[in-house]
């Protein structure tokens, strides 16, 4: 599977508004069938980033964490792709190895909407990659200082889909 050259320079965001803005800017480069895997610890800003994606894609409904429902679908209000927002965090609770997690992820039937939507999987590292050869990994790191809202976001494009797509945001 081809992997793009090293990704664009990391982006430093100052706060939640800047994180949403970054997601909104990235949304302009997305199309139906895209898979984004969001990686980062608790409170890193994965859902905040996805809120920006939702705004940029002009989807219906408030984008909130799908932790307790596992998955939410936000239809487009402008005829574009829907946003499928998945939180794989709870899938790992009580599950065994990665194969067990894959079965649970398969049970969500994400592949049914994968071609028609932009699919975002929080906590999906090591799990969501089986959904598509091409994906965009979004890594969000935060300071160890709980009072510091600064985040560093790195994009890693995997697969031919991303060849030539400008990801410097």
C-alpha atoms as a PDB file:
ATOM      1  CA  UNK A   1       0.000   0.000   0.000  1.00  0.00           C
ATOM      2  CA  UNK A   2       1.572   3.301  -1.013  1.00  0.00           C
ATOM      3  CA  UNK A   3       2.189   5.838   1.691  1.00  0.00           C
ATOM      4  CA  UNK A   4       2.706   9.476   0.901  1.00  0.00           C
ATOM      5  CA  UNK A   5       5.955  11.262   1.588  1.00  0.00           C
ATOM      6  CA  UNK A   6       6.378  12.518   5.133  1.00  0.00           C
ATOM      7  CA  UNK A   7       3.357  14.627   5.978  1.00  0.00           C
ATOM      8  CA  UNK A   8       3.129  18.364   6.090  1.00  0.00           C
ATOM      9  CA  UNK A   9       4.657  20.316   8.916  1.00  0.00           C
ATOM     10  CA  UNK A  10       2.876  19.936  12.235  1.00  0.00           C
ATOM     11  CA  UNK A  11       0.281  22.595  12.988  1.00  0.00           C
ATOM     12  CA  UNK A  12       0.169  24.200  16.417  1.00  0.00           C
ATOM     13  CA  UNK A  13      -3.293  25.281  17.543  1.00  0.00           C
ATOM     14  CA  UNK A  14      -3.813  27.591  20.497  1.00  0.00           C
ATOM     15  CA  UNK A  15      -7.289  26.585  21.666  1.00  0.00           C
ATOM     16  CA  UNK A  16     -10.567  24.880  20.821  1.00  0.00           C
ATOM     17  CA  UNK A  17     -11.610  27.574  18.340  1.00  0.00           C
ATOM     18  CA  UNK A  18      -8.354  27.125  16.432  1.00  0.00           C
ATOM     19  CA  UNK A  19      -8.851  23.329  16.470  1.00  0.00           C
ATOM     20  CA  UNK A  20     -12.358  23.701  15.003  1.00  0.00           C
ATOM     21  CA  UNK A  21     -10.968  26.097  12.388  1.00  0.00           C
ATOM     22  CA  UNK A  22      -8.308  23.558  11.417  1.00  0.00           C
ATOM     23  CA  UNK A  23     -10.970  20.872  10.974  1.00  0.00           C
ATOM     24  CA  UNK A  24     -13.079  23.231   8.869  1.00  0.00           C
ATOM     25  CA  UNK A  25     -10.117  24.024   6.596  1.00  0.00           C
ATOM     26  CA  UNK A  26      -9.354  20.318   6.140  1.00  0.00           C
ATOM     27  CA  UNK A  27     -13.006  19.601   5.254  1.00  0.00           C
ATOM     28  CA  UNK A  28     -12.529  21.535   1.998  1.00  0.00           C
ATOM     29  CA  UNK A  29     -10.101  18.806   0.871  1.00  0.00           C
ATOM     30  CA  UNK A  30     -12.322  15.852   1.765  1.00  0.00           C
ATOM     31  CA  UNK A  31     -14.704  13.864  -0.392  1.00  0.00           C
ATOM     32  CA  UNK A  32     -17.076  10.946  -0.031  1.00  0.00           C
ATOM     33  CA  UNK A  33     -15.180   7.759   0.758  1.00  0.00           C
ATOM     34  CA  UNK A  34     -12.496   9.411   2.877  1.00  0.00           C
ATOM     35  CA  UNK A  35     -11.531   7.762   6.151  1.00  0.00           C
ATOM     36  CA  UNK A  36      -9.907   9.791   8.922  1.00  0.00           C
ATOM     37  CA  UNK A  37      -8.414   8.076  11.953  1.00  0.00           C
ATOM     38  CA  UNK A  38      -8.017  10.452  14.899  1.00  0.00           C
ATOM     39  CA  UNK A  39      -5.318   9.645  17.426  1.00  0.00           C
ATOM     40  CA  UNK A  40      -4.765  11.445  20.725  1.00  0.00           C
ATOM     41  CA  UNK A  41      -5.294  11.066  24.440  1.00  0.00           C
ATOM     42  CA  UNK A  42      -8.332  12.027  26.471  1.00  0.00           C
ATOM     43  CA  UNK A  43      -9.055  15.706  26.027  1.00  0.00           C
ATOM     44  CA  UNK A  44      -6.698  16.081  23.064  1.00  0.00           C
ATOM     45  CA  UNK A  45      -9.361  17.707  20.899  1.00  0.00           C
ATOM     46  CA  UNK A  46     -10.528  14.892  18.624  1.00  0.00           C
ATOM     47  CA  UNK A  47     -14.219  15.759  18.925  1.00  0.00           C
ATOM     48  CA  UNK A  48     -13.483  19.488  18.684  1.00  0.00           C
ATOM     49  CA  UNK A  49     -11.570  18.826  15.455  1.00  0.00           C
ATOM     50  CA  UNK A  50     -14.526  16.777  14.165  1.00  0.00           C
ATOM     51  CA  UNK A  51     -16.874  19.665  14.957  1.00  0.00           C
ATOM     52  CA  UNK A  52     -14.810  21.749  12.553  1.00  0.00           C
ATOM     53  CA  UNK A  53     -15.047  19.020   9.919  1.00  0.00           C
ATOM     54  CA  UNK A  54     -18.821  19.000  10.361  1.00  0.00           C
ATOM     55  CA  UNK A  55     -18.996  22.767   9.946  1.00  0.00           C
ATOM     56  CA  UNK A  56     -16.843  22.620   6.829  1.00  0.00           C
ATOM     57  CA  UNK A  57     -18.882  19.777   5.335  1.00  0.00           C
ATOM     58  CA  UNK A  58     -22.093  21.627   6.262  1.00  0.00           C
ATOM     59  CA  UNK A  59     -23.746  18.695   7.970  1.00  0.00           C
ATOM     60  CA  UNK A  60     -26.918  18.628  10.022  1.00  0.00           C
ATOM     61  CA  UNK A  61     -26.929  18.313  13.778  1.00  0.00           C
ATOM     62  CA  UNK A  62     -24.518  19.203  16.512  1.00  0.00           C
ATOM     63  CA  UNK A  63     -21.330  17.160  16.349  1.00  0.00           C
ATOM     64  CA  UNK A  64     -20.818  15.749  19.832  1.00  0.00           C
ATOM     65  CA  UNK A  65     -18.831  12.847  21.151  1.00  0.00           C
ATOM     66  CA  UNK A  66     -20.430   9.549  20.128  1.00  0.00           C
ATOM     67  CA  UNK A  67     -18.784   7.735  23.049  1.00  0.00           C
ATOM     68  CA  UNK A  68     -22.007   6.292  24.441  1.00  0.00           C
ATOM     69  CA  UNK A  69     -23.751   5.597  21.132  1.00  0.00           C
ATOM     70  CA  UNK A  70     -20.518   4.568  19.344  1.00  0.00           C
ATOM     71  CA  UNK A  71     -21.539   6.146  16.025  1.00  0.00           C
ATOM     72  CA  UNK A  72     -23.478   9.150  14.737  1.00  0.00           C
ATOM     73  CA  UNK A  73     -24.421  10.016  11.169  1.00  0.00           C
ATOM     74  CA  UNK A  74     -24.712  13.681  10.207  1.00  0.00           C
ATOM     75  CA  UNK A  75     -26.342  14.117   6.773  1.00  0.00           C
ATOM     76  CA  UNK A  76     -25.204  16.937   4.524  1.00  0.00           C
ATOM     77  CA  UNK A  77     -27.400  20.016   4.277  1.00  0.00           C
ATOM     78  CA  UNK A  78     -25.925  20.933   0.874  1.00  0.00           C
ATOM     79  CA  UNK A  79     -25.892  17.653  -1.067  1.00  0.00           C
ATOM     80  CA  UNK A  80     -22.337  16.730  -0.076  1.00  0.00           C
ATOM     81  CA  UNK A  81     -21.161  13.657   1.774  1.00  0.00           C
ATOM     82  CA  UNK A  82     -22.536  12.808   5.190  1.00  0.00           C
ATOM     83  CA  UNK A  83     -20.218  12.757   8.187  1.00  0.00           C
ATOM     84  CA  UNK A  84     -20.086   9.416  10.007  1.00  0.00           C
ATOM     85  CA  UNK A  85     -18.517  10.020  13.417  1.00  0.00           C
ATOM     86  CA  UNK A  86     -17.385   6.932  15.315  1.00  0.00           C
ATOM     87  CA  UNK A  87     -15.824   6.648  18.747  1.00  0.00           C
ATOM     88  CA  UNK A  88     -13.964   3.346  19.079  1.00  0.00           C
ATOM     89  CA  UNK A  89     -12.869   4.002  22.686  1.00  0.00           C
ATOM     90  CA  UNK A  90     -15.596   1.898  24.284  1.00  0.00           C
ATOM     91  CA  UNK A  91     -15.104  -0.859  21.741  1.00  0.00           C
ATOM     92  CA  UNK A  92     -11.881  -1.708  23.561  1.00  0.00           C
ATOM     93  CA  UNK A  93     -13.494  -1.936  26.986  1.00  0.00           C
ATOM     94  CA  UNK A  94     -13.965  -5.559  27.895  1.00  0.00           C
ATOM     95  CA  UNK A  95     -12.858  -6.780  24.486  1.00  0.00           C
ATOM     96  CA  UNK A  96      -9.992  -9.132  23.965  1.00  0.00           C
ATOM     97  CA  UNK A  97      -7.367  -8.701  21.289  1.00  0.00           C
ATOM     98  CA  UNK A  98      -7.434  -6.587  18.159  1.00  0.00           C
ATOM     99  CA  UNK A  99      -9.279  -9.299  16.228  1.00  0.00           C
ATOM    100  CA  UNK A 100     -12.165  -9.111  18.714  1.00  0.00           C
ATOM    101  CA  UNK A 101     -12.222  -5.336  18.312  1.00  0.00           C
ATOM    102  CA  UNK A 102     -12.315  -5.697  14.542  1.00  0.00           C
ATOM    103  CA  UNK A 103     -15.377  -7.916  14.784  1.00  0.00           C
ATOM    104  CA  UNK A 104     -17.121  -5.305  16.935  1.00  0.00           C
ATOM    105  CA  UNK A 105     -16.152  -2.548  14.502  1.00  0.00           C
ATOM    106  CA  UNK A 106     -17.440  -4.698  11.633  1.00  0.00           C
ATOM    107  CA  UNK A 107     -20.749  -5.047  13.507  1.00  0.00           C
ATOM    108  CA  UNK A 108     -21.212  -1.271  13.202  1.00  0.00           C
ATOM    109  CA  UNK A 109     -21.487  -1.885   9.431  1.00  0.00           C
ATOM    110  CA  UNK A 110     -19.377   1.146   8.596  1.00  0.00           C
ATOM    111  CA  UNK A 111     -18.402  -0.261   5.227  1.00  0.00           C
ATOM    112  CA  UNK A 112     -22.025   0.191   4.122  1.00  0.00           C
ATOM    113  CA  UNK A 113     -21.634   3.982   4.255  1.00  0.00           C
ATOM    114  CA  UNK A 114     -17.893   4.272   3.692  1.00  0.00           C
ATOM    115  CA  UNK A 115     -18.118   5.093  -0.023  1.00  0.00           C
ATOM    116  CA  UNK A 116     -20.838   7.720   0.452  1.00  0.00           C
ATOM    117  CA  UNK A 117     -19.598   9.558   3.534  1.00  0.00           C
ATOM    118  CA  UNK A 118     -16.582  11.050   5.216  1.00  0.00           C
ATOM    119  CA  UNK A 119     -15.922   8.641   8.077  1.00  0.00           C
ATOM    120  CA  UNK A 120     -14.074   9.820  11.178  1.00  0.00           C
ATOM    121  CA  UNK A 121     -12.991   7.245  13.764  1.00  0.00           C
ATOM    122  CA  UNK A 122     -11.758   8.523  17.110  1.00  0.00           C
ATOM    123  CA  UNK A 123      -9.549   6.083  19.028  1.00  0.00           C
ATOM    124  CA  UNK A 124      -9.315   4.015  15.852  1.00  0.00           C
ATOM    125  CA  UNK A 125      -5.564   3.462  15.628  1.00  0.00           C
ATOM    126  CA  UNK A 126      -4.760  -0.209  15.098  1.00  0.00           C
ATOM    127  CA  UNK A 127      -8.400  -0.897  14.362  1.00  0.00           C
ATOM    128  CA  UNK A 128      -9.940   1.328  11.705  1.00  0.00           C
ATOM    129  CA  UNK A 129      -7.160   0.777   9.185  1.00  0.00           C
ATOM    130  CA  UNK A 130      -8.924  -2.381   8.045  1.00  0.00           C
ATOM    131  CA  UNK A 131     -11.804  -0.264   6.728  1.00  0.00           C
ATOM    132  CA  UNK A 132      -9.871   1.280   3.817  1.00  0.00           C
ATOM    133  CA  UNK A 133      -6.417   1.182   2.228  1.00  0.00           C
ATOM    134  CA  UNK A 134      -6.425   4.962   1.894  1.00  0.00           C
ATOM    135  CA  UNK A 135      -6.813   7.040   5.023  1.00  0.00           C
ATOM    136  CA  UNK A 136      -5.724  10.209   6.706  1.00  0.00           C
ATOM    137  CA  UNK A 137      -4.328   9.818  10.193  1.00  0.00           C
ATOM    138  CA  UNK A 138      -4.725  12.894  12.374  1.00  0.00           C
ATOM    139  CA  UNK A 139      -2.463  12.825  15.431  1.00  0.00           C
ATOM    140  CA  UNK A 140      -3.204  15.351  18.158  1.00  0.00           C
ATOM    141  CA  UNK A 141      -0.738  15.869  20.992  1.00  0.00           C
ATOM    142  CA  UNK A 142      -1.319  18.085  23.980  1.00  0.00           C
ATOM    143  CA  UNK A 143       0.996  19.524  26.566  1.00  0.00           C
ATOM    144  CA  UNK A 144       1.395  17.725  29.873  1.00  0.00           C
ATOM    145  CA  UNK A 145       0.385  21.039  31.527  1.00  0.00           C
ATOM    146  CA  UNK A 146      -3.405  20.805  32.055  1.00  0.00           C
ATOM    147  CA  UNK A 147      -3.694  24.611  31.866  1.00  0.00           C
ATOM    148  CA  UNK A 148      -2.049  24.722  28.439  1.00  0.00           C
ATOM    149  CA  UNK A 149      -4.658  24.483  25.654  1.00  0.00           C
ATOM    150  CA  UNK A 150      -2.013  24.319  22.923  1.00  0.00           C
ATOM    151  CA  UNK A 151      -2.160  21.233  20.697  1.00  0.00           C
ATOM    152  CA  UNK A 152       0.153  19.998  17.959  1.00  0.00           C
ATOM    153  CA  UNK A 153      -1.616  18.320  15.030  1.00  0.00           C
ATOM    154  CA  UNK A 154       0.174  16.070  12.547  1.00  0.00           C
ATOM    155  CA  UNK A 155      -1.379  14.645   9.389  1.00  0.00           C
ATOM    156  CA  UNK A 156      -0.191  11.397   7.846  1.00  0.00           C
ATOM    157  CA  UNK A 157      -1.664  10.521   4.475  1.00  0.00           C
ATOM    158  CA  UNK A 158      -1.742   6.816   3.653  1.00  0.00           C
ATOM    159  CA  UNK A 159      -2.573   5.537   0.179  1.00  0.00           C
ATOM    160  CA  UNK A 160      -2.828   6.836  -3.352  1.00  0.00           C
ATOM    161  CA  UNK A 161      -6.009   8.858  -2.654  1.00  0.00           C
ATOM    162  CA  UNK A 162      -3.888  11.523  -0.995  1.00  0.00           C
ATOM    163  CA  UNK A 163      -1.248  11.834  -3.730  1.00  0.00           C
ATOM    164  CA  UNK A 164      -1.172  15.480  -4.751  1.00  0.00           C
ATOM    165  CA  UNK A 165      -3.712  16.617  -2.152  1.00  0.00           C
ATOM    166  CA  UNK A 166      -2.313  19.704  -0.389  1.00  0.00           C
ATOM    167  CA  UNK A 167      -2.429  19.067   3.328  1.00  0.00           C
ATOM    168  CA  UNK A 168      -0.503  22.102   4.571  1.00  0.00           C
ATOM    169  CA  UNK A 169      -3.204  23.859   6.532  1.00  0.00           C
END
